[in-house]
């Protein structure tokens, strides 16, 4: 390159905004739909949890729930629990 002459630099014109948007429109629509779907699922699960939380006391009032639940994990535990429950008057084994 001779001294005093500027170097040639290839300059590209800026991309056309309409063509870029049109080219990426499918990706934008997919991202918006995916975010909307995830948000909808999250809101539906929160609402389902609220319904369950508010209806559980009503469910317990309408049924005859047990007062105590015992889980024994030992060898021959069924025999020991059956012997224990037979001695108690209002206790039954289910």
C-alpha atoms as a PDB file:
ATOM      1  CA  UNK A   1       0.000   0.000   0.000  1.00  0.00           C
ATOM      2  CA  UNK A   2       1.541   3.281  -1.048  1.00  0.00           C
ATOM      3  CA  UNK A   3       2.003   5.957   1.566  1.00  0.00           C
ATOM      4  CA  UNK A   4      -0.634   8.670   1.660  1.00  0.00           C
ATOM      5  CA  UNK A   5      -3.472   6.620   0.220  1.00  0.00           C
ATOM      6  CA  UNK A   6      -6.203   5.456   2.612  1.00  0.00           C
ATOM      7  CA  UNK A   7      -6.936   1.759   2.800  1.00  0.00           C
ATOM      8  CA  UNK A   8     -10.107   0.570   1.098  1.00  0.00           C
ATOM      9  CA  UNK A   9     -12.687  -0.690   3.566  1.00  0.00           C
ATOM     10  CA  UNK A  10     -15.801  -2.531   2.453  1.00  0.00           C
ATOM     11  CA  UNK A  11     -18.827  -0.814   3.956  1.00  0.00           C
ATOM     12  CA  UNK A  12     -22.125  -2.653   3.941  1.00  0.00           C
ATOM     13  CA  UNK A  13     -25.364  -0.720   3.991  1.00  0.00           C
ATOM     14  CA  UNK A  14     -27.388  -1.115   7.202  1.00  0.00           C
ATOM     15  CA  UNK A  15     -29.912  -3.956   7.079  1.00  0.00           C
ATOM     16  CA  UNK A  16     -33.425  -3.051   6.039  1.00  0.00           C
ATOM     17  CA  UNK A  17     -35.584  -3.021   9.209  1.00  0.00           C
ATOM     18  CA  UNK A  18     -38.701  -4.363   7.499  1.00  0.00           C
ATOM     19  CA  UNK A  19     -36.869  -7.263   5.926  1.00  0.00           C
ATOM     20  CA  UNK A  20     -35.181  -8.138   9.230  1.00  0.00           C
ATOM     21  CA  UNK A  21     -38.472  -8.104  11.120  1.00  0.00           C
ATOM     22  CA  UNK A  22     -40.210 -10.108   8.409  1.00  0.00           C
ATOM     23  CA  UNK A  23     -37.400 -12.623   8.489  1.00  0.00           C
ATOM     24  CA  UNK A  24     -37.570 -12.994  12.296  1.00  0.00           C
ATOM     25  CA  UNK A  25     -41.349 -12.706  12.708  1.00  0.00           C
ATOM     26  CA  UNK A  26     -41.834 -16.466  13.088  1.00  0.00           C
ATOM     27  CA  UNK A  27     -39.289 -16.577  15.897  1.00  0.00           C
ATOM     28  CA  UNK A  28     -40.933 -13.631  17.661  1.00  0.00           C
ATOM     29  CA  UNK A  29     -44.365 -15.228  17.416  1.00  0.00           C
ATOM     30  CA  UNK A  30     -43.007 -18.528  18.739  1.00  0.00           C
ATOM     31  CA  UNK A  31     -41.361 -16.803  21.709  1.00  0.00           C
ATOM     32  CA  UNK A  32     -44.531 -14.867  22.572  1.00  0.00           C
ATOM     33  CA  UNK A  33     -46.689 -17.995  22.359  1.00  0.00           C
ATOM     34  CA  UNK A  34     -44.275 -20.016  24.480  1.00  0.00           C
ATOM     35  CA  UNK A  35     -44.106 -17.325  27.178  1.00  0.00           C
ATOM     36  CA  UNK A  36     -47.905 -17.011  27.136  1.00  0.00           C
ATOM     37  CA  UNK A  37     -48.363 -20.760  27.438  1.00  0.00           C
ATOM     38  CA  UNK A  38     -45.963 -21.031  30.377  1.00  0.00           C
ATOM     39  CA  UNK A  39     -47.639 -18.056  32.086  1.00  0.00           C
ATOM     40  CA  UNK A  40     -51.079 -19.591  31.569  1.00  0.00           C
ATOM     41  CA  UNK A  41     -49.997 -22.903  33.054  1.00  0.00           C
ATOM     42  CA  UNK A  42     -48.479 -21.121  36.057  1.00  0.00           C
ATOM     43  CA  UNK A  43     -51.641 -19.086  36.703  1.00  0.00           C
ATOM     44  CA  UNK A  44     -53.855 -22.170  36.342  1.00  0.00           C
ATOM     45  CA  UNK A  45     -51.765 -24.155  38.827  1.00  0.00           C
ATOM     46  CA  UNK A  46     -51.899 -21.300  41.353  1.00  0.00           C
ATOM     47  CA  UNK A  47     -55.686 -21.118  41.006  1.00  0.00           C
ATOM     48  CA  UNK A  48     -55.993 -24.889  41.417  1.00  0.00           C
ATOM     49  CA  UNK A  49     -53.926 -24.701  44.603  1.00  0.00           C
ATOM     50  CA  UNK A  50     -56.159 -21.955  45.977  1.00  0.00           C
ATOM     51  CA  UNK A  51     -59.283 -23.997  45.263  1.00  0.00           C
ATOM     52  CA  UNK A  52     -57.819 -27.026  46.970  1.00  0.00           C
ATOM     53  CA  UNK A  53     -56.726 -24.995  49.983  1.00  0.00           C
ATOM     54  CA  UNK A  54     -60.151 -23.395  50.435  1.00  0.00           C
ATOM     55  CA  UNK A  55     -62.130 -26.616  49.905  1.00  0.00           C
ATOM     56  CA  UNK A  56     -60.088 -28.871  52.210  1.00  0.00           C
ATOM     57  CA  UNK A  57     -61.739 -27.697  55.479  1.00  0.00           C
ATOM     58  CA  UNK A  58     -65.155 -28.282  53.874  1.00  0.00           C
ATOM     59  CA  UNK A  59     -64.071 -31.780  52.854  1.00  0.00           C
ATOM     60  CA  UNK A  60     -62.943 -32.587  56.403  1.00  0.00           C
ATOM     61  CA  UNK A  61     -66.197 -31.271  57.878  1.00  0.00           C
ATOM     62  CA  UNK A  62     -68.306 -33.492  55.581  1.00  0.00           C
ATOM     63  CA  UNK A  63     -66.329 -36.678  56.168  1.00  0.00           C
ATOM     64  CA  UNK A  64     -65.370 -38.589  59.280  1.00  0.00           C
ATOM     65  CA  UNK A  65     -61.578 -38.248  59.252  1.00  0.00           C
ATOM     66  CA  UNK A  66     -59.399 -40.214  61.596  1.00  0.00           C
ATOM     67  CA  UNK A  67     -57.791 -38.464  64.523  1.00  0.00           C
ATOM     68  CA  UNK A  68     -54.554 -40.415  64.516  1.00  0.00           C
ATOM     69  CA  UNK A  69     -52.534 -42.339  62.005  1.00  0.00           C
ATOM     70  CA  UNK A  70     -49.708 -44.640  63.101  1.00  0.00           C
ATOM     71  CA  UNK A  71     -47.090 -46.136  60.828  1.00  0.00           C
ATOM     72  CA  UNK A  72     -44.833 -48.815  62.281  1.00  0.00           C
ATOM     73  CA  UNK A  73     -41.849 -50.080  60.318  1.00  0.00           C
ATOM     74  CA  UNK A  74     -40.514 -53.102  62.150  1.00  0.00           C
ATOM     75  CA  UNK A  75     -40.493 -56.883  61.728  1.00  0.00           C
ATOM     76  CA  UNK A  76     -43.833 -58.407  62.726  1.00  0.00           C
ATOM     77  CA  UNK A  77     -45.257 -54.930  63.171  1.00  0.00           C
ATOM     78  CA  UNK A  78     -48.711 -55.978  61.929  1.00  0.00           C
ATOM     79  CA  UNK A  79     -49.032 -58.492  64.770  1.00  0.00           C
ATOM     80  CA  UNK A  80     -47.853 -55.969  67.370  1.00  0.00           C
ATOM     81  CA  UNK A  81     -50.231 -53.282  66.117  1.00  0.00           C
ATOM     82  CA  UNK A  82     -53.147 -55.734  65.988  1.00  0.00           C
ATOM     83  CA  UNK A  83     -52.452 -56.785  69.596  1.00  0.00           C
ATOM     84  CA  UNK A  84     -52.257 -53.158  70.701  1.00  0.00           C
ATOM     85  CA  UNK A  85     -55.442 -52.105  68.927  1.00  0.00           C
ATOM     86  CA  UNK A  86     -57.396 -55.064  70.280  1.00  0.00           C
ATOM     87  CA  UNK A  87     -56.767 -53.760  73.804  1.00  0.00           C
ATOM     88  CA  UNK A  88     -58.119 -50.294  73.003  1.00  0.00           C
ATOM     89  CA  UNK A  89     -61.875 -49.906  72.891  1.00  0.00           C
ATOM     90  CA  UNK A  90     -62.504 -47.235  70.264  1.00  0.00           C
ATOM     91  CA  UNK A  91     -59.549 -48.095  68.043  1.00  0.00           C
ATOM     92  CA  UNK A  92     -59.828 -50.063  64.847  1.00  0.00           C
ATOM     93  CA  UNK A  93     -57.214 -51.228  62.388  1.00  0.00           C
ATOM     94  CA  UNK A  94     -57.693 -50.346  58.733  1.00  0.00           C
END
